Amino acid sequence: MAALILSVAASVVIGALIWLIVGPRLKLNEEPVQNEVLNVLCYMGIAFVVVFPLVIFVLSDSFFR
């Protein structure tokens, strides 16, 4: 459970940072505000897919030492 919470928190931070750096590159909706929100959610989802296995491996490695 801790790995999930840590992964979600890290994904929110990383997704927001990516959005600040890259901006709304994906055209997911015609409305600008909703498009920006959907871009942030997509960046968070992509970050979660990368961060979750890393957190699992780091936590599992620390338990077995």
N, C-alpha and C. Protein backbone atom coordinates (compact mmCIF):
# COMPACT_ATOMS: atom_id res chain seq x y z
N MET A 1 0.82 -1.19 0.00
CA MET A 1 0.00 0.00 0.00
C MET A 1 0.87 1.26 0.00
N ALA A 2 1.98 1.20 0.72
CA ALA A 2 2.88 2.35 0.76
C ALA A 2 3.49 2.61 -0.61
N ALA A 3 3.78 1.54 -1.33
CA ALA A 3 4.35 1.70 -2.67
C ALA A 3 3.36 2.38 -3.60
N LEU A 4 2.10 2.05 -3.48
CA LEU A 4 1.07 2.66 -4.32
C LEU A 4 0.93 4.14 -4.02
N ILE A 5 0.89 4.48 -2.75
CA ILE A 5 0.74 5.89 -2.36
C ILE A 5 1.97 6.70 -2.77
N LEU A 6 3.14 6.14 -2.56
CA LEU A 6 4.37 6.82 -2.96
C LEU A 6 4.44 6.99 -4.47
N SER A 7 4.00 5.99 -5.22
CA SER A 7 4.01 6.06 -6.67
C SER A 7 3.02 7.10 -7.19
N VAL A 8 1.85 7.15 -6.60
CA VAL A 8 0.85 8.15 -7.03
C VAL A 8 1.34 9.56 -6.72
N ALA A 9 1.92 9.76 -5.54
CA ALA A 9 2.42 11.09 -5.19
C ALA A 9 3.56 11.51 -6.11
N ALA A 10 4.47 10.59 -6.39
CA ALA A 10 5.57 10.91 -7.29
C ALA A 10 5.06 11.16 -8.71
N SER A 11 4.05 10.42 -9.13
CA SER A 11 3.49 10.61 -10.47
C SER A 11 2.82 11.97 -10.62
N VAL A 12 2.16 12.41 -9.58
CA VAL A 12 1.53 13.74 -9.62
C VAL A 12 2.59 14.82 -9.77
N VAL A 13 3.66 14.72 -8.99
CA VAL A 13 4.72 15.73 -9.06
C VAL A 13 5.43 15.68 -10.41
N ILE A 14 5.79 14.48 -10.86
CA ILE A 14 6.50 14.35 -12.14
C ILE A 14 5.61 14.77 -13.31
N GLY A 15 4.34 14.36 -13.28
CA GLY A 15 3.41 14.74 -14.34
C GLY A 15 3.22 16.24 -14.42
N ALA A 16 3.13 16.91 -13.27
CA ALA A 16 2.99 18.37 -13.27
C ALA A 16 4.26 19.04 -13.78
N LEU A 17 5.42 18.52 -13.40
CA LEU A 17 6.67 19.09 -13.89
C LEU A 17 6.82 18.91 -15.40
N ILE A 18 6.44 17.75 -15.90
CA ILE A 18 6.50 17.53 -17.35
C ILE A 18 5.57 18.49 -18.06
N TRP A 19 4.37 18.70 -17.49
CA TRP A 19 3.42 19.63 -18.11
C TRP A 19 3.97 21.05 -18.11
N LEU A 20 4.65 21.44 -17.03
CA LEU A 20 5.24 22.78 -16.99
C LEU A 20 6.35 22.94 -18.01
N ILE A 21 7.13 21.88 -18.23
CA ILE A 21 8.25 21.95 -19.17
C ILE A 21 7.77 21.82 -20.62
N VAL A 22 6.95 20.80 -20.88
CA VAL A 22 6.55 20.48 -22.25
C VAL A 22 5.32 21.27 -22.68
N GLY A 23 4.35 21.39 -21.79
CA GLY A 23 3.12 22.08 -22.11
C GLY A 23 2.10 21.13 -22.71
N PRO A 24 0.96 21.67 -23.11
CA PRO A 24 -0.11 20.82 -23.67
C PRO A 24 0.17 20.44 -25.12
N ARG A 25 0.97 19.43 -25.35
CA ARG A 25 1.31 19.00 -26.71
C ARG A 25 0.23 18.13 -27.33
N LEU A 26 -0.49 17.37 -26.52
CA LEU A 26 -1.50 16.45 -27.04
C LEU A 26 -2.80 17.21 -27.28
N LYS A 27 -3.42 16.95 -28.39
CA LYS A 27 -4.71 17.57 -28.71
C LYS A 27 -5.81 16.56 -28.40
N LEU A 28 -6.29 16.56 -27.16
CA LEU A 28 -7.27 15.59 -26.72
C LEU A 28 -8.69 16.14 -26.71
N ASN A 29 -8.82 17.47 -26.68
CA ASN A 29 -10.14 18.10 -26.66
C ASN A 29 -10.03 19.47 -27.31
N GLU A 30 -11.15 19.97 -27.81
CA GLU A 30 -11.15 21.27 -28.47
C GLU A 30 -11.08 22.43 -27.48
N GLU A 31 -11.66 22.24 -26.28
CA GLU A 31 -11.63 23.31 -25.28
C GLU A 31 -10.23 23.38 -24.67
N PRO A 32 -9.65 24.59 -24.61
CA PRO A 32 -8.27 24.71 -24.13
C PRO A 32 -8.07 24.28 -22.67
N VAL A 33 -8.99 24.64 -21.79
CA VAL A 33 -8.83 24.31 -20.37
C VAL A 33 -8.93 22.81 -20.15
N GLN A 34 -9.93 22.19 -20.78
CA GLN A 34 -10.09 20.75 -20.63
C GLN A 34 -8.94 20.00 -21.29
N ASN A 35 -8.41 20.53 -22.37
CA ASN A 35 -7.27 19.91 -23.03
C ASN A 35 -6.04 19.93 -22.12
N GLU A 36 -5.82 21.04 -21.41
CA GLU A 36 -4.69 21.11 -20.49
C GLU A 36 -4.84 20.12 -19.33
N VAL A 37 -6.04 19.99 -18.80
CA VAL A 37 -6.28 19.04 -17.71
C VAL A 37 -6.03 17.61 -18.20
N LEU A 38 -6.53 17.28 -19.38
CA LEU A 38 -6.32 15.94 -19.92
C LEU A 38 -4.85 15.67 -20.22
N ASN A 39 -4.13 16.69 -20.63
CA ASN A 39 -2.68 16.53 -20.85
C ASN A 39 -1.97 16.23 -19.54
N VAL A 40 -2.31 16.93 -18.47
CA VAL A 40 -1.69 16.68 -17.17
C VAL A 40 -2.01 15.26 -16.71
N LEU A 41 -3.25 14.82 -16.88
CA LEU A 41 -3.63 13.46 -16.48
C LEU A 41 -2.88 12.41 -17.30
N CYS A 42 -2.70 12.66 -18.58
CA CYS A 42 -1.93 11.73 -19.42
C CYS A 42 -0.48 11.66 -18.98
N TYR A 43 0.11 12.83 -18.68
CA TYR A 43 1.50 12.85 -18.21
C TYR A 43 1.63 12.12 -16.88
N MET A 44 0.64 12.27 -16.00
CA MET A 44 0.67 11.56 -14.73
C MET A 44 0.55 10.06 -14.93
N GLY A 45 -0.30 9.65 -15.85
CA GLY A 45 -0.45 8.22 -16.13
C GLY A 45 0.83 7.61 -16.69
N ILE A 46 1.47 8.32 -17.59
CA ILE A 46 2.72 7.83 -18.16
C ILE A 46 3.80 7.77 -17.07
N ALA A 47 3.84 8.79 -16.22
CA ALA A 47 4.82 8.80 -15.13
C ALA A 47 4.55 7.66 -14.16
N PHE A 48 3.27 7.35 -13.90
CA PHE A 48 2.95 6.26 -12.97
C PHE A 48 3.43 4.91 -13.50
N VAL A 49 3.29 4.71 -14.80
CA VAL A 49 3.74 3.44 -15.40
C VAL A 49 5.24 3.27 -15.25
N VAL A 50 5.98 4.36 -15.25
CA VAL A 50 7.43 4.29 -15.09
C VAL A 50 7.83 4.23 -13.61
N VAL A 51 7.17 5.02 -12.77
CA VAL A 51 7.57 5.16 -11.38
C VAL A 51 7.18 3.93 -10.54
N PHE A 52 6.02 3.35 -10.78
CA PHE A 52 5.55 2.25 -9.93
C PHE A 52 6.51 1.06 -9.90
N PRO A 53 6.99 0.56 -11.04
CA PRO A 53 7.96 -0.54 -10.94
C PRO A 53 9.26 -0.14 -10.24
N LEU A 54 9.69 1.10 -10.45
CA LEU A 54 10.91 1.56 -9.78
C LEU A 54 10.74 1.57 -8.26
N VAL A 55 9.59 2.04 -7.81
CA VAL A 55 9.33 2.08 -6.37
C VAL A 55 9.24 0.66 -5.81
N ILE A 56 8.58 -0.23 -6.53
CA ILE A 56 8.46 -1.63 -6.08
C ILE A 56 9.85 -2.25 -5.96
N PHE A 57 10.71 -2.07 -6.95
CA PHE A 57 12.04 -2.66 -6.90
C PHE A 57 12.88 -2.04 -5.78
N VAL A 58 12.78 -0.75 -5.56
CA VAL A 58 13.55 -0.10 -4.49
C VAL A 58 13.07 -0.57 -3.13
N LEU A 59 11.75 -0.64 -2.93
CA LEU A 59 11.23 -1.07 -1.64
C LEU A 59 11.52 -2.55 -1.39
N SER A 60 11.38 -3.37 -2.40
CA SER A 60 11.65 -4.80 -2.20
C SER A 60 13.13 -5.05 -1.96
N ASP A 61 13.99 -4.25 -2.57
CA ASP A 61 15.42 -4.41 -2.36
C ASP A 61 15.81 -3.99 -0.95
N SER A 62 15.14 -2.97 -0.42
CA SER A 62 15.48 -2.51 0.92
C SER A 62 14.99 -3.49 1.99
N PHE A 63 13.93 -4.26 1.71
CA PHE A 63 13.42 -5.22 2.68
C PHE A 63 14.30 -6.48 2.76
N PHE A 64 14.96 -6.81 1.68
CA PHE A 64 15.73 -8.05 1.64
C PHE A 64 17.21 -7.87 1.95
N ARG A 65 17.61 -6.72 2.40
CA ARG A 65 19.02 -6.49 2.76
C ARG A 65 19.22 -6.67 4.22
